[in-house]
Amino acid sequence: MAKRRVLKLRKLDARHPGLCQKVDAMFDAFATLGAVAAMIRAEYGEHITATPIARYKKQFWNVRRQRDLMMKAASTAYQELVSERRD
């Protein structure tokens, strides 16, 4: 049996522009790793395992969490600034 190369989503996105945006939209809708792999297989004809999708998903949620924390910190700082000016 021939050894399959495990492709990373970023490399696939370079070959097929817009792939990562579709995967992000699927993660927003809480799609499973299998559903994402099936979509990539059906729409792009690329075989990809669950491991690189899981790594991308972990990175996706870490980036989103960091962004939310930064927005919360900025909002809190702005509220404190406004309350100090009123005093």
N, C-alpha and C. Protein backbone atom coordinates (compact mmCIF):
# COMPACT_ATOMS: atom_id res chain seq x y z
N MET A 1 0.84 -1.18 0.00
CA MET A 1 0.00 0.00 0.00
C MET A 1 0.89 1.25 0.00
N ALA A 2 0.56 2.19 -0.81
CA ALA A 2 1.35 3.41 -0.91
C ALA A 2 1.10 4.30 0.30
N LYS A 3 2.15 4.94 0.74
CA LYS A 3 2.05 5.84 1.87
C LYS A 3 1.43 7.16 1.41
N ARG A 4 0.41 7.60 2.11
CA ARG A 4 -0.26 8.85 1.76
C ARG A 4 0.41 10.01 2.46
N ARG A 5 0.53 11.09 1.76
CA ARG A 5 1.07 12.30 2.37
C ARG A 5 -0.04 12.99 3.16
N VAL A 6 0.28 13.39 4.34
CA VAL A 6 -0.68 14.14 5.14
C VAL A 6 -0.53 15.61 4.77
N LEU A 7 -1.59 16.16 4.24
CA LEU A 7 -1.56 17.55 3.81
C LEU A 7 -2.07 18.45 4.92
N LYS A 8 -1.48 19.60 5.03
CA LYS A 8 -1.95 20.58 6.00
C LYS A 8 -2.97 21.48 5.32
N LEU A 9 -3.87 22.02 6.11
CA LEU A 9 -4.92 22.86 5.55
C LEU A 9 -4.35 24.11 4.88
N ARG A 10 -3.30 24.66 5.42
CA ARG A 10 -2.71 25.86 4.82
C ARG A 10 -2.16 25.57 3.43
N LYS A 11 -1.55 24.39 3.25
CA LYS A 11 -1.04 24.02 1.93
C LYS A 11 -2.19 23.79 0.97
N LEU A 12 -3.27 23.18 1.46
CA LEU A 12 -4.44 22.98 0.61
C LEU A 12 -5.08 24.31 0.25
N ASP A 13 -5.07 25.26 1.19
CA ASP A 13 -5.64 26.57 0.92
C ASP A 13 -4.84 27.30 -0.16
N ALA A 14 -3.53 27.05 -0.21
CA ALA A 14 -2.71 27.65 -1.26
C ALA A 14 -3.11 27.09 -2.63
N ARG A 15 -3.45 25.81 -2.66
CA ARG A 15 -3.89 25.19 -3.91
C ARG A 15 -5.31 25.55 -4.28
N HIS A 16 -6.16 25.65 -3.27
CA HIS A 16 -7.58 25.92 -3.46
C HIS A 16 -7.98 27.15 -2.63
N PRO A 17 -7.84 28.35 -3.18
CA PRO A 17 -8.17 29.56 -2.40
C PRO A 17 -9.61 29.52 -1.90
N GLY A 18 -9.77 29.93 -0.67
CA GLY A 18 -11.09 29.97 -0.05
C GLY A 18 -11.41 28.75 0.79
N LEU A 19 -10.53 27.76 0.79
CA LEU A 19 -10.79 26.55 1.57
C LEU A 19 -10.85 26.85 3.06
N CYS A 20 -9.90 27.60 3.57
CA CYS A 20 -9.87 27.88 5.01
C CYS A 20 -11.10 28.68 5.44
N GLN A 21 -11.60 29.56 4.58
CA GLN A 21 -12.81 30.31 4.93
C GLN A 21 -14.01 29.38 5.06
N LYS A 22 -14.09 28.38 4.18
CA LYS A 22 -15.19 27.41 4.28
C LYS A 22 -15.05 26.57 5.53
N VAL A 23 -13.82 26.18 5.85
CA VAL A 23 -13.60 25.38 7.06
C VAL A 23 -13.93 26.22 8.29
N ASP A 24 -13.53 27.49 8.31
CA ASP A 24 -13.86 28.37 9.44
C ASP A 24 -15.37 28.50 9.61
N ALA A 25 -16.09 28.63 8.49
CA ALA A 25 -17.55 28.73 8.57
C ALA A 25 -18.15 27.44 9.12
N MET A 26 -17.57 26.31 8.75
CA MET A 26 -18.07 25.04 9.28
C MET A 26 -17.79 24.93 10.78
N PHE A 27 -16.62 25.42 11.22
CA PHE A 27 -16.32 25.40 12.66
C PHE A 27 -17.25 26.35 13.41
N ASP A 28 -17.61 27.48 12.79
CA ASP A 28 -18.58 28.39 13.42
C ASP A 28 -19.92 27.69 13.64
N ALA A 29 -20.26 26.77 12.73
CA ALA A 29 -21.51 26.02 12.83
C ALA A 29 -21.32 24.73 13.63
N PHE A 30 -20.16 24.57 14.28
CA PHE A 30 -19.85 23.42 15.13
C PHE A 30 -19.89 22.09 14.36
N ALA A 31 -19.32 22.08 13.17
CA ALA A 31 -19.24 20.86 12.37
C ALA A 31 -18.19 19.92 12.96
N THR A 32 -18.37 18.63 12.73
CA THR A 32 -17.42 17.64 13.22
C THR A 32 -16.22 17.57 12.29
N LEU A 33 -15.14 16.95 12.77
CA LEU A 33 -13.95 16.79 11.94
C LEU A 33 -14.25 15.94 10.72
N GLY A 34 -15.06 14.92 10.90
CA GLY A 34 -15.44 14.06 9.77
C GLY A 34 -16.22 14.81 8.72
N ALA A 35 -17.11 15.70 9.14
CA ALA A 35 -17.89 16.49 8.20
C ALA A 35 -17.00 17.43 7.40
N VAL A 36 -16.00 18.01 8.05
CA VAL A 36 -15.07 18.90 7.36
C VAL A 36 -14.24 18.11 6.36
N ALA A 37 -13.75 16.93 6.77
CA ALA A 37 -12.96 16.08 5.87
C ALA A 37 -13.80 15.64 4.67
N ALA A 38 -15.07 15.32 4.91
CA ALA A 38 -15.95 14.91 3.82
C ALA A 38 -16.19 16.05 2.85
N MET A 39 -16.34 17.28 3.36
CA MET A 39 -16.53 18.45 2.49
C MET A 39 -15.31 18.68 1.62
N ILE A 40 -14.12 18.56 2.21
CA ILE A 40 -12.88 18.77 1.46
C ILE A 40 -12.75 17.69 0.38
N ARG A 41 -13.07 16.46 0.73
CA ARG A 41 -13.00 15.36 -0.23
C ARG A 41 -13.99 15.57 -1.37
N ALA A 42 -15.21 15.99 -1.04
CA ALA A 42 -16.26 16.15 -2.05
C ALA A 42 -16.02 17.35 -2.95
N GLU A 43 -15.68 18.50 -2.36
CA GLU A 43 -15.58 19.73 -3.14
C GLU A 43 -14.23 19.92 -3.82
N TYR A 44 -13.16 19.42 -3.20
CA TYR A 44 -11.83 19.69 -3.72
C TYR A 44 -11.09 18.44 -4.19
N GLY A 45 -11.64 17.26 -3.90
CA GLY A 45 -11.01 16.02 -4.33
C GLY A 45 -9.69 15.72 -3.64
N GLU A 46 -9.50 16.26 -2.45
CA GLU A 46 -8.27 16.05 -1.68
C GLU A 46 -8.57 15.15 -0.48
N HIS A 47 -7.69 14.18 -0.24
CA HIS A 47 -7.84 13.32 0.94
C HIS A 47 -7.06 13.95 2.09
N ILE A 48 -7.75 14.15 3.20
CA ILE A 48 -7.10 14.73 4.37
C ILE A 48 -7.61 14.00 5.60
N THR A 49 -6.71 13.73 6.52
CA THR A 49 -7.09 13.02 7.74
C THR A 49 -7.62 14.00 8.78
N ALA A 50 -8.10 13.46 9.88
CA ALA A 50 -8.68 14.29 10.93
C ALA A 50 -7.61 15.04 11.72
N THR A 51 -6.38 14.53 11.75
CA THR A 51 -5.33 15.15 12.57
C THR A 51 -5.02 16.59 12.16
N PRO A 52 -4.74 16.88 10.87
CA PRO A 52 -4.48 18.29 10.54
C PRO A 52 -5.71 19.17 10.70
N ILE A 53 -6.88 18.60 10.53
CA ILE A 53 -8.10 19.39 10.73
C ILE A 53 -8.24 19.72 12.21
N ALA A 54 -7.94 18.75 13.08
CA ALA A 54 -8.03 18.98 14.52
C ALA A 54 -7.02 20.04 14.97
N ARG A 55 -5.81 19.99 14.41
CA ARG A 55 -4.81 21.01 14.76
C ARG A 55 -5.25 22.39 14.31
N TYR A 56 -5.82 22.47 13.10
CA TYR A 56 -6.31 23.75 12.60
C TYR A 56 -7.46 24.25 13.47
N LYS A 57 -8.35 23.33 13.88
CA LYS A 57 -9.49 23.71 14.73
C LYS A 57 -9.01 24.24 16.07
N LYS A 58 -8.01 23.59 16.66
CA LYS A 58 -7.47 24.05 17.94
C LYS A 58 -6.89 25.45 17.78
N GLN A 59 -6.14 25.68 16.71
CA GLN A 59 -5.58 27.01 16.45
C GLN A 59 -6.69 28.02 16.21
N PHE A 60 -7.73 27.63 15.47
CA PHE A 60 -8.87 28.50 15.18
C PHE A 60 -9.52 28.97 16.46
N TRP A 61 -9.79 28.04 17.40
CA TRP A 61 -10.45 28.42 18.63
C TRP A 61 -9.53 29.20 19.56
N ASN A 62 -8.22 28.92 19.54
CA ASN A 62 -7.28 29.70 20.35
C ASN A 62 -7.22 31.14 19.88
N VAL A 63 -7.19 31.34 18.56
CA VAL A 63 -7.16 32.69 18.01
C VAL A 63 -8.44 33.43 18.37
N ARG A 64 -9.57 32.73 18.24
CA ARG A 64 -10.85 33.36 18.57
C ARG A 64 -10.92 33.73 20.05
N ARG A 65 -10.44 32.85 20.93
CA ARG A 65 -10.46 33.12 22.37
C ARG A 65 -9.58 34.32 22.70
N GLN A 66 -8.38 34.37 22.10
CA GLN A 66 -7.49 35.50 22.33
C GLN A 66 -8.11 36.81 21.86
N ARG A 67 -8.76 36.77 20.70
CA ARG A 67 -9.41 37.98 20.18
C ARG A 67 -10.51 38.45 21.12
N ASP A 68 -11.31 37.51 21.63
CA ASP A 68 -12.40 37.86 22.54
C ASP A 68 -11.85 38.44 23.84
N LEU A 69 -10.76 37.87 24.35
CA LEU A 69 -10.15 38.40 25.57
C LEU A 69 -9.61 39.81 25.36
N MET A 70 -9.00 40.05 24.21
CA MET A 70 -8.48 41.39 23.92
C MET A 70 -9.61 42.40 23.78
N MET A 71 -10.71 41.99 23.15
CA MET A 71 -11.85 42.90 23.01
C MET A 71 -12.46 43.22 24.37
N LYS A 72 -12.53 42.21 25.24
CA LYS A 72 -13.07 42.42 26.58
C LYS A 72 -12.17 43.36 27.38
N ALA A 73 -10.85 43.18 27.27
CA ALA A 73 -9.92 44.06 27.98
C ALA A 73 -10.02 45.49 27.47
N ALA A 74 -10.14 45.64 26.16
CA ALA A 74 -10.26 46.99 25.60
C ALA A 74 -11.56 47.65 26.03
N SER A 75 -12.62 46.89 26.07
CA SER A 75 -13.91 47.43 26.50
C SER A 75 -13.87 47.84 27.97
N THR A 76 -13.25 47.03 28.80
CA THR A 76 -13.13 47.34 30.23
C THR A 76 -12.28 48.59 30.43
N ALA A 77 -11.18 48.70 29.70
CA ALA A 77 -10.31 49.88 29.82
C ALA A 77 -11.06 51.13 29.38
N TYR A 78 -11.85 51.03 28.31
CA TYR A 78 -12.62 52.18 27.84
C TYR A 78 -13.66 52.59 28.88
N GLN A 79 -14.34 51.63 29.49
CA GLN A 79 -15.34 51.94 30.51
C GLN A 79 -14.70 52.61 31.72
N GLU A 80 -13.51 52.15 32.10
CA GLU A 80 -12.81 52.78 33.23
C GLU A 80 -12.40 54.20 32.89
N LEU A 81 -11.96 54.41 31.66
CA LEU A 81 -11.56 55.74 31.23
C LEU A 81 -12.75 56.69 31.24
N VAL A 82 -13.87 56.26 30.76
CA VAL A 82 -15.06 57.09 30.73
C VAL A 82 -15.54 57.39 32.14
N SER A 83 -15.49 56.40 33.04
CA SER A 83 -15.94 56.64 34.41
C SER A 83 -15.00 57.59 35.15
N GLU A 84 -13.69 57.56 34.83
CA GLU A 84 -12.75 58.48 35.46
C GLU A 84 -13.00 59.92 35.00
N ARG A 85 -13.37 60.10 33.77
CA ARG A 85 -13.61 61.47 33.26
C ARG A 85 -14.88 62.06 33.86
N ARG A 86 -15.83 61.21 34.19
CA ARG A 86 -17.08 61.71 34.78
C ARG A 86 -16.87 62.16 36.22
N ASP A 87 -15.89 61.59 36.89
CA ASP A 87 -15.65 61.92 38.30
C ASP A 87 -14.99 63.23 38.48
